[in-house]
Amino acid sequence: MTFATSAAVLALLQGAAPGGAGSFTPLLFQFGLIFLIFYFLIIRPQQKQRKRHEEALRNLKRGDHIVTTGGIIGEVVHIKEATKEGVAQPTMDDEVTMKSAESRMIVERGRIAKIVSASGETSMAKGAANS
């Protein structure tokens, strides 16, 4: 790089940002815009999905068909809810007894990946098939 070229580049840099503070405003605006895009396209939908999943787990009842995070498919037989101050409240630490084939196992409510079919849906489907 020659002296004339480096001097021209230096002059352009000095002329582009007199004072230096003005060049950060567009950069901060761009970062803010990128964060908003990530929030509305990625973070917010994941939060909504997590809330729907937790609500479905709180409404879990006997007879529901579930899949655990380990991939075990079974049917809910019993739910032992943790008591807090004498009141039973559904939490993610509750013990759920499930039946899978000839085995029964206990899993935490929070370790259930999805509810395949609720007991009410199963009985409605059987009733519709018989009609």
C-alpha atoms as a PDB file:
ATOM      1  CA  MET A   1       0.000   0.000   0.000  1.00  0.00           C
ATOM      2  CA  THR A   2       1.443   3.356  -0.972  1.00  0.00           C
ATOM      3  CA  PHE A   3       1.558   6.474   1.133  1.00  0.00           C
ATOM      4  CA  ALA A   4      -1.043   8.221  -1.072  1.00  0.00           C
ATOM      5  CA  THR A   5      -3.483   5.304  -0.777  1.00  0.00           C
ATOM      6  CA  SER A   6      -3.139   5.043   2.982  1.00  0.00           C
ATOM      7  CA  ALA A   7      -3.562   8.809   3.330  1.00  0.00           C
ATOM      8  CA  ALA A   8      -6.734   8.667   1.227  1.00  0.00           C
ATOM      9  CA  VAL A   9      -8.149   5.849   3.375  1.00  0.00           C
ATOM     10  CA  LEU A  10      -7.308   7.772   6.540  1.00  0.00           C
ATOM     11  CA  ALA A  11      -9.005  10.900   5.155  1.00  0.00           C
ATOM     12  CA  LEU A  12     -12.146   8.888   4.320  1.00  0.00           C
ATOM     13  CA  LEU A  13     -12.261   7.389   7.794  1.00  0.00           C
ATOM     14  CA  GLN A  14     -11.823  10.740   9.482  1.00  0.00           C
ATOM     15  CA  GLY A  15     -14.426  12.373   7.268  1.00  0.00           C
ATOM     16  CA  ALA A  16     -16.991   9.594   7.775  1.00  0.00           C
ATOM     17  CA  ALA A  17     -17.179   9.984  11.524  1.00  0.00           C
ATOM     18  CA  PRO A  18     -16.441  13.454  12.809  1.00  0.00           C
ATOM     19  CA  GLY A  19     -16.510  13.231  16.570  1.00  0.00           C
ATOM     20  CA  GLY A  20     -16.904   9.428  16.578  1.00  0.00           C
ATOM     21  CA  ALA A  21     -20.192   9.300  18.539  1.00  0.00           C
ATOM     22  CA  GLY A  22     -22.485   9.577  15.527  1.00  0.00           C
ATOM     23  CA  SER A  23     -21.341   6.296  14.021  1.00  0.00           C
ATOM     24  CA  PHE A  24     -22.603   4.192  16.948  1.00  0.00           C
ATOM     25  CA  THR A  25     -26.243   5.235  16.628  1.00  0.00           C
ATOM     26  CA  PRO A  26     -26.984   3.304  13.410  1.00  0.00           C
ATOM     27  CA  LEU A  27     -25.049   0.333  14.754  1.00  0.00           C
ATOM     28  CA  LEU A  28     -27.079   0.280  17.978  1.00  0.00           C
ATOM     29  CA  PHE A  29     -30.274   0.663  15.963  1.00  0.00           C
ATOM     30  CA  GLN A  30     -29.304  -2.343  13.809  1.00  0.00           C
ATOM     31  CA  PHE A  31     -28.492  -4.477  16.863  1.00  0.00           C
ATOM     32  CA  GLY A  32     -31.818  -3.505  18.430  1.00  0.00           C
ATOM     33  CA  LEU A  33     -33.650  -4.379  15.233  1.00  0.00           C
ATOM     34  CA  ILE A  34     -31.899  -7.755  15.019  1.00  0.00           C
ATOM     35  CA  PHE A  35     -32.802  -8.493  18.663  1.00  0.00           C
ATOM     36  CA  LEU A  36     -36.467  -7.640  18.005  1.00  0.00           C
ATOM     37  CA  ILE A  37     -36.532  -9.924  14.981  1.00  0.00           C
ATOM     38  CA  PHE A  38     -35.011 -12.778  16.998  1.00  0.00           C
ATOM     39  CA  TYR A  39     -37.460 -12.135  19.847  1.00  0.00           C
ATOM     40  CA  PHE A  40     -40.588 -12.244  17.693  1.00  0.00           C
ATOM     41  CA  LEU A  41     -39.452 -15.073  15.404  1.00  0.00           C
ATOM     42  CA  ILE A  42     -37.657 -17.383  17.856  1.00  0.00           C
ATOM     43  CA  ILE A  43     -37.922 -16.546  21.553  1.00  0.00           C
ATOM     44  CA  ARG A  44     -41.603 -15.615  21.880  1.00  0.00           C
ATOM     45  CA  PRO A  45     -43.001 -18.637  19.966  1.00  0.00           C
ATOM     46  CA  GLN A  46     -40.834 -20.975  22.078  1.00  0.00           C
ATOM     47  CA  GLN A  47     -42.146 -19.378  25.272  1.00  0.00           C
ATOM     48  CA  LYS A  48     -45.747 -19.820  24.086  1.00  0.00           C
ATOM     49  CA  GLN A  49     -45.093 -23.459  23.145  1.00  0.00           C
ATOM     50  CA  ARG A  50     -43.476 -24.146  26.536  1.00  0.00           C
ATOM     51  CA  LYS A  51     -46.456 -22.591  28.369  1.00  0.00           C
ATOM     52  CA  ARG A  52     -48.928 -24.693  26.337  1.00  0.00           C
ATOM     53  CA  HIS A  53     -46.902 -27.840  27.087  1.00  0.00           C
ATOM     54  CA  GLU A  54     -46.769 -27.088  30.828  1.00  0.00           C
ATOM     55  CA  GLU A  55     -50.519 -26.399  30.878  1.00  0.00           C
ATOM     56  CA  ALA A  56     -51.183 -29.706  29.117  1.00  0.00           C
ATOM     57  CA  LEU A  57     -49.008 -31.492  31.695  1.00  0.00           C
ATOM     58  CA  ARG A  58     -50.895 -29.820  34.554  1.00  0.00           C
ATOM     59  CA  ASN A  59     -54.168 -31.093  33.040  1.00  0.00           C
ATOM     60  CA  LEU A  60     -52.807 -34.650  32.732  1.00  0.00           C
ATOM     61  CA  LYS A  61     -55.250 -37.276  34.007  1.00  0.00           C
ATOM     62  CA  ARG A  62     -55.688 -41.002  34.298  1.00  0.00           C
ATOM     63  CA  GLY A  63     -56.106 -42.770  30.965  1.00  0.00           C
ATOM     64  CA  ASP A  64     -54.055 -40.315  28.910  1.00  0.00           C
ATOM     65  CA  HIS A  65     -51.540 -41.855  26.500  1.00  0.00           C
ATOM     66  CA  ILE A  66     -48.125 -40.237  26.866  1.00  0.00           C
ATOM     67  CA  VAL A  67     -44.580 -40.377  25.511  1.00  0.00           C
ATOM     68  CA  THR A  68     -41.675 -39.759  27.891  1.00  0.00           C
ATOM     69  CA  THR A  69     -38.518 -37.893  26.964  1.00  0.00           C
ATOM     70  CA  GLY A  70     -36.806 -41.292  26.732  1.00  0.00           C
ATOM     71  CA  GLY A  71     -39.296 -42.422  24.088  1.00  0.00           C
ATOM     72  CA  ILE A  72     -41.348 -44.804  26.246  1.00  0.00           C
ATOM     73  CA  ILE A  73     -45.013 -44.876  25.274  1.00  0.00           C
ATOM     74  CA  GLY A  74     -47.581 -45.684  27.916  1.00  0.00           C
ATOM     75  CA  GLU A  75     -50.875 -44.926  29.604  1.00  0.00           C
ATOM     76  CA  VAL A  76     -51.250 -42.920  32.815  1.00  0.00           C
ATOM     77  CA  VAL A  77     -52.468 -45.118  35.660  1.00  0.00           C
ATOM     78  CA  HIS A  78     -52.020 -42.864  38.708  1.00  0.00           C
ATOM     79  CA  ILE A  79     -50.753 -39.372  39.525  1.00  0.00           C
ATOM     80  CA  LYS A  80     -49.279 -38.645  42.948  1.00  0.00           C
ATOM     81  CA  GLU A  81     -49.352 -34.879  43.335  1.00  0.00           C
ATOM     82  CA  ALA A  82     -46.950 -33.165  45.696  1.00  0.00           C
ATOM     83  CA  THR A  83     -48.619 -31.387  48.589  1.00  0.00           C
ATOM     84  CA  LYS A  84     -47.545 -27.887  49.483  1.00  0.00           C
ATOM     85  CA  GLU A  85     -48.934 -26.427  52.687  1.00  0.00           C
ATOM     86  CA  GLY A  86     -51.626 -29.117  52.777  1.00  0.00           C
ATOM     87  CA  VAL A  87     -52.905 -28.317  49.269  1.00  0.00           C
ATOM     88  CA  ALA A  88     -52.233 -30.639  46.340  1.00  0.00           C
ATOM     89  CA  GLN A  89     -50.980 -28.582  43.397  1.00  0.00           C
ATOM     90  CA  PRO A  90     -49.792 -30.037  40.094  1.00  0.00           C
ATOM     91  CA  THR A  91     -46.064 -29.419  39.733  1.00  0.00           C
ATOM     92  CA  MET A  92     -43.442 -30.777  37.369  1.00  0.00           C
ATOM     93  CA  ASP A  93     -42.032 -32.925  40.214  1.00  0.00           C
ATOM     94  CA  ASP A  94     -45.214 -34.998  40.658  1.00  0.00           C
ATOM     95  CA  GLU A  95     -44.888 -38.760  40.291  1.00  0.00           C
ATOM     96  CA  VAL A  96     -46.857 -40.208  37.389  1.00  0.00           C
ATOM     97  CA  THR A  97     -47.331 -43.972  37.320  1.00  0.00           C
ATOM     98  CA  MET A  98     -47.649 -45.221  33.775  1.00  0.00           C
ATOM     99  CA  LYS A  99     -48.319 -48.616  32.230  1.00  0.00           C
ATOM    100  CA  SER A 100     -46.366 -49.670  29.176  1.00  0.00           C
ATOM    101  CA  ALA A 101     -47.128 -53.171  27.885  1.00  0.00           C
ATOM    102  CA  GLU A 102     -46.734 -55.444  30.942  1.00  0.00           C
ATOM    103  CA  SER A 103     -44.637 -52.983  32.951  1.00  0.00           C
ATOM    104  CA  ARG A 104     -45.481 -50.166  35.285  1.00  0.00           C
ATOM    105  CA  MET A 105     -43.052 -47.344  35.904  1.00  0.00           C
ATOM    106  CA  ILE A 106     -42.976 -44.036  37.705  1.00  0.00           C
ATOM    107  CA  VAL A 107     -41.805 -40.905  35.908  1.00  0.00           C
ATOM    108  CA  GLU A 108     -41.780 -37.250  36.848  1.00  0.00           C
ATOM    109  CA  ARG A 109     -44.509 -35.145  35.286  1.00  0.00           C
ATOM    110  CA  GLY A 110     -41.859 -32.825  33.837  1.00  0.00           C
ATOM    111  CA  ARG A 111     -40.209 -35.724  31.971  1.00  0.00           C
ATOM    112  CA  ILE A 112     -43.250 -36.303  29.777  1.00  0.00           C
ATOM    113  CA  ALA A 113     -42.452 -35.149  26.254  1.00  0.00           C
ATOM    114  CA  LYS A 114     -45.974 -35.156  24.833  1.00  0.00           C
ATOM    115  CA  ILE A 115     -49.503 -36.345  25.359  1.00  0.00           C
ATOM    116  CA  VAL A 116     -50.453 -38.535  22.417  1.00  0.00           C
ATOM    117  CA  SER A 117     -54.168 -38.670  23.189  1.00  0.00           C
ATOM    118  CA  ALA A 118     -56.252 -37.588  26.122  1.00  0.00           C
ATOM    119  CA  SER A 119     -58.675 -40.043  27.714  1.00  0.00           C
ATOM    120  CA  GLY A 120     -61.675 -37.932  26.623  1.00  0.00           C
ATOM    121  CA  GLU A 121     -60.516 -37.925  22.999  1.00  0.00           C
ATOM    122  CA  THR A 122     -60.054 -41.701  23.035  1.00  0.00           C
ATOM    123  CA  SER A 123     -63.602 -42.366  24.250  1.00  0.00           C
ATOM    124  CA  MET A 124     -65.034 -39.908  21.690  1.00  0.00           C
ATOM    125  CA  ALA A 125     -63.079 -41.572  18.887  1.00  0.00           C
ATOM    126  CA  LYS A 126     -64.375 -45.017  19.914  1.00  0.00           C
ATOM    127  CA  GLY A 127     -67.930 -43.684  20.048  1.00  0.00           C
ATOM    128  CA  ALA A 128     -67.623 -42.136  16.589  1.00  0.00           C
ATOM    129  CA  ALA A 129     -66.206 -45.372  15.175  1.00  0.00           C
ATOM    130  CA  ASN A 130     -69.149 -47.388  16.513  1.00  0.00           C
ATOM    131  CA  SER A 131     -71.729 -45.020  14.977  1.00  0.00           C
END
